[in-house]
Amino acid sequence: MERDVTPRHRVLAVEDDADTFELMRMILRDLPLDMEQARTGAEAIVRLERQTPELMFLDINLPDMYGWEVLDRFKNDARLTETQVIVLTSHSDPVHRLIGTLQPIAAYLTKPISADKLRQHVSDALRLP
């Protein structure tokens, strides 16, 4: 029996809605990802202090802070300079889009998003074949 040696990519989804997180997991299940969820900004900060994901999904509207505050907390952390960030939010407000252009993010996506588009952005961010 052959063992799958495809490298897995650590992903942190900063998403307060459990249903949205499960939907993301289902859509991305065929990709070599190990996904974890942080439901608050504070939980995301603790996880980011302990581990370095290769990709982070970031919701803007979290129960305890804006997702931008999570990014701001780590902007000078050398460990996270290679972490790709995909903002996935229901905020289509032009102000948040403008803030997004000033942040080191791979993409700013609004919900709902098609499964194909989500998979494509993840594949691009992680340079998957």
Protein backbone atom coordinates (compact mmCIF):
# COMPACT_ATOMS: atom_id res chain seq x y z
CA MET A 1 0.00 0.00 0.00
CA GLU A 2 1.47 3.36 -1.04
CA ARG A 3 1.54 6.18 1.46
CA ASP A 4 0.47 9.61 0.28
CA VAL A 5 3.53 11.86 0.57
CA THR A 6 1.88 15.01 -0.78
CA PRO A 7 2.92 17.86 1.50
CA ARG A 8 0.08 19.24 3.60
CA HIS A 9 -0.42 22.96 4.13
CA ARG A 10 -1.43 24.40 7.50
CA VAL A 11 -4.41 26.73 7.20
CA LEU A 12 -5.99 28.89 9.90
CA ALA A 13 -9.52 30.10 9.20
CA VAL A 14 -10.38 33.07 11.38
CA GLU A 15 -14.14 32.67 11.02
CA ASP A 16 -16.72 32.97 13.77
CA ASP A 17 -19.45 31.09 11.93
CA ALA A 18 -19.15 27.30 12.31
CA ASP A 19 -21.34 26.61 9.25
CA THR A 20 -19.19 28.83 7.03
CA PHE A 21 -16.04 27.08 8.29
CA GLU A 22 -17.52 23.63 7.57
CA LEU A 23 -18.59 24.74 4.10
CA MET A 24 -15.05 25.97 3.41
CA ARG A 25 -13.65 22.63 4.60
CA MET A 26 -16.04 20.74 2.32
CA ILE A 27 -15.19 22.90 -0.69
CA LEU A 28 -11.44 22.54 -0.10
CA ARG A 29 -11.40 18.90 1.04
CA ASP A 30 -9.63 17.70 -2.12
CA LEU A 31 -6.68 20.03 -1.55
CA PRO A 32 -3.77 19.02 0.72
CA LEU A 33 -4.81 21.27 3.61
CA ASP A 34 -4.94 20.86 7.37
CA MET A 35 -7.56 23.41 8.40
CA GLU A 36 -8.16 24.80 11.87
CA GLN A 37 -10.66 27.39 13.01
CA ALA A 38 -10.29 30.39 15.30
CA ARG A 39 -13.69 31.86 16.16
CA THR A 40 -12.47 35.17 17.59
CA GLY A 41 -9.65 37.58 16.98
CA ALA A 42 -8.21 36.79 20.41
CA GLU A 43 -8.21 33.05 19.64
CA ALA A 44 -6.51 33.77 16.29
CA ILE A 45 -3.80 35.81 18.01
CA VAL A 46 -3.09 32.98 20.48
CA ARG A 47 -2.89 30.41 17.66
CA LEU A 48 -0.65 32.65 15.56
CA GLU A 49 1.71 33.10 18.49
CA ARG A 50 2.05 29.29 18.74
CA GLN A 51 2.13 28.25 15.10
CA THR A 52 2.80 29.60 11.64
CA PRO A 53 0.14 28.75 9.06
CA GLU A 54 0.95 28.91 5.38
CA LEU A 55 -2.48 30.35 4.66
CA MET A 56 -4.94 32.29 6.77
CA PHE A 57 -8.55 33.03 5.89
CA LEU A 58 -9.60 36.20 7.66
CA ASP A 59 -13.13 37.37 8.29
CA ILE A 60 -13.33 41.11 8.96
CA ASN A 61 -16.30 41.17 11.31
CA LEU A 62 -15.34 39.05 14.34
CA PRO A 63 -17.19 39.05 17.67
CA ASP A 64 -14.38 40.78 19.56
CA MET A 65 -12.49 42.86 16.98
CA TYR A 66 -12.04 43.56 13.30
CA GLY A 67 -9.91 41.09 11.37
CA TRP A 68 -7.66 44.01 10.43
CA GLU A 69 -6.61 44.18 14.09
CA VAL A 70 -5.41 40.57 13.92
CA LEU A 71 -3.28 41.43 10.88
CA ASP A 72 -1.97 44.59 12.53
CA ARG A 73 -0.84 42.61 15.58
CA PHE A 74 1.51 40.53 13.44
CA LYS A 75 2.65 42.98 10.76
CA ASN A 76 6.17 43.07 12.21
CA ASP A 77 6.41 39.36 13.10
CA ALA A 78 9.06 37.84 10.83
CA ARG A 79 7.61 34.33 11.33
CA LEU A 80 4.42 35.32 9.52
CA THR A 81 5.84 37.22 6.56
CA GLU A 82 5.34 34.18 4.32
CA THR A 83 1.77 33.50 5.51
CA GLN A 84 -0.68 34.13 2.68
CA VAL A 85 -3.86 35.92 3.78
CA ILE A 86 -7.19 35.66 2.01
CA VAL A 87 -9.85 37.96 3.38
CA LEU A 88 -13.21 36.21 3.11
CA THR A 89 -15.95 38.45 4.40
CA SER A 90 -19.49 39.63 3.88
CA HIS A 91 -18.20 43.25 3.96
CA SER A 92 -18.44 44.67 0.48
CA ASP A 93 -18.13 48.19 1.92
CA PRO A 94 -15.67 50.25 -0.16
CA VAL A 95 -13.89 51.37 3.03
CA HIS A 96 -12.95 47.78 3.88
CA ARG A 97 -11.88 47.13 0.30
CA LEU A 98 -9.64 50.22 0.51
CA ILE A 99 -8.16 49.00 3.78
CA GLY A 100 -7.56 45.66 2.05
CA THR A 101 -5.51 47.32 -0.68
CA LEU A 102 -3.23 48.71 2.03
CA GLN A 103 -2.70 45.31 3.69
CA PRO A 104 -0.37 42.47 2.75
CA ILE A 105 -3.12 40.14 1.54
CA ALA A 106 -3.35 37.71 -1.37
CA ALA A 107 -7.04 38.38 -2.05
CA TYR A 108 -10.13 40.18 -0.78
CA LEU A 109 -13.16 37.98 -1.43
CA THR A 110 -16.77 38.61 -0.50
CA LYS A 111 -19.32 36.03 0.60
CA PRO A 112 -20.98 34.22 -0.93
CA ILE A 113 -18.19 32.92 -3.15
CA SER A 114 -18.30 30.12 -5.67
CA ALA A 115 -16.54 26.89 -4.80
CA ASP A 116 -14.40 27.06 -7.94
CA LYS A 117 -13.28 30.61 -7.23
CA LEU A 118 -12.38 29.75 -3.62
CA ARG A 119 -10.37 26.70 -4.71
CA GLN A 120 -8.59 28.76 -7.37
CA HIS A 121 -7.57 31.49 -4.92
CA VAL A 122 -6.26 28.92 -2.43
CA SER A 123 -4.34 27.10 -5.16
CA ASP A 124 -2.84 30.37 -6.36
CA ALA A 125 -1.90 31.54 -2.85
CA LEU A 126 -0.20 28.24 -2.00
CA ARG A 127 1.15 27.66 -5.53
CA LEU A 128 -0.57 24.30 -5.79
CA PRO A 129 -0.54 22.43 -9.11
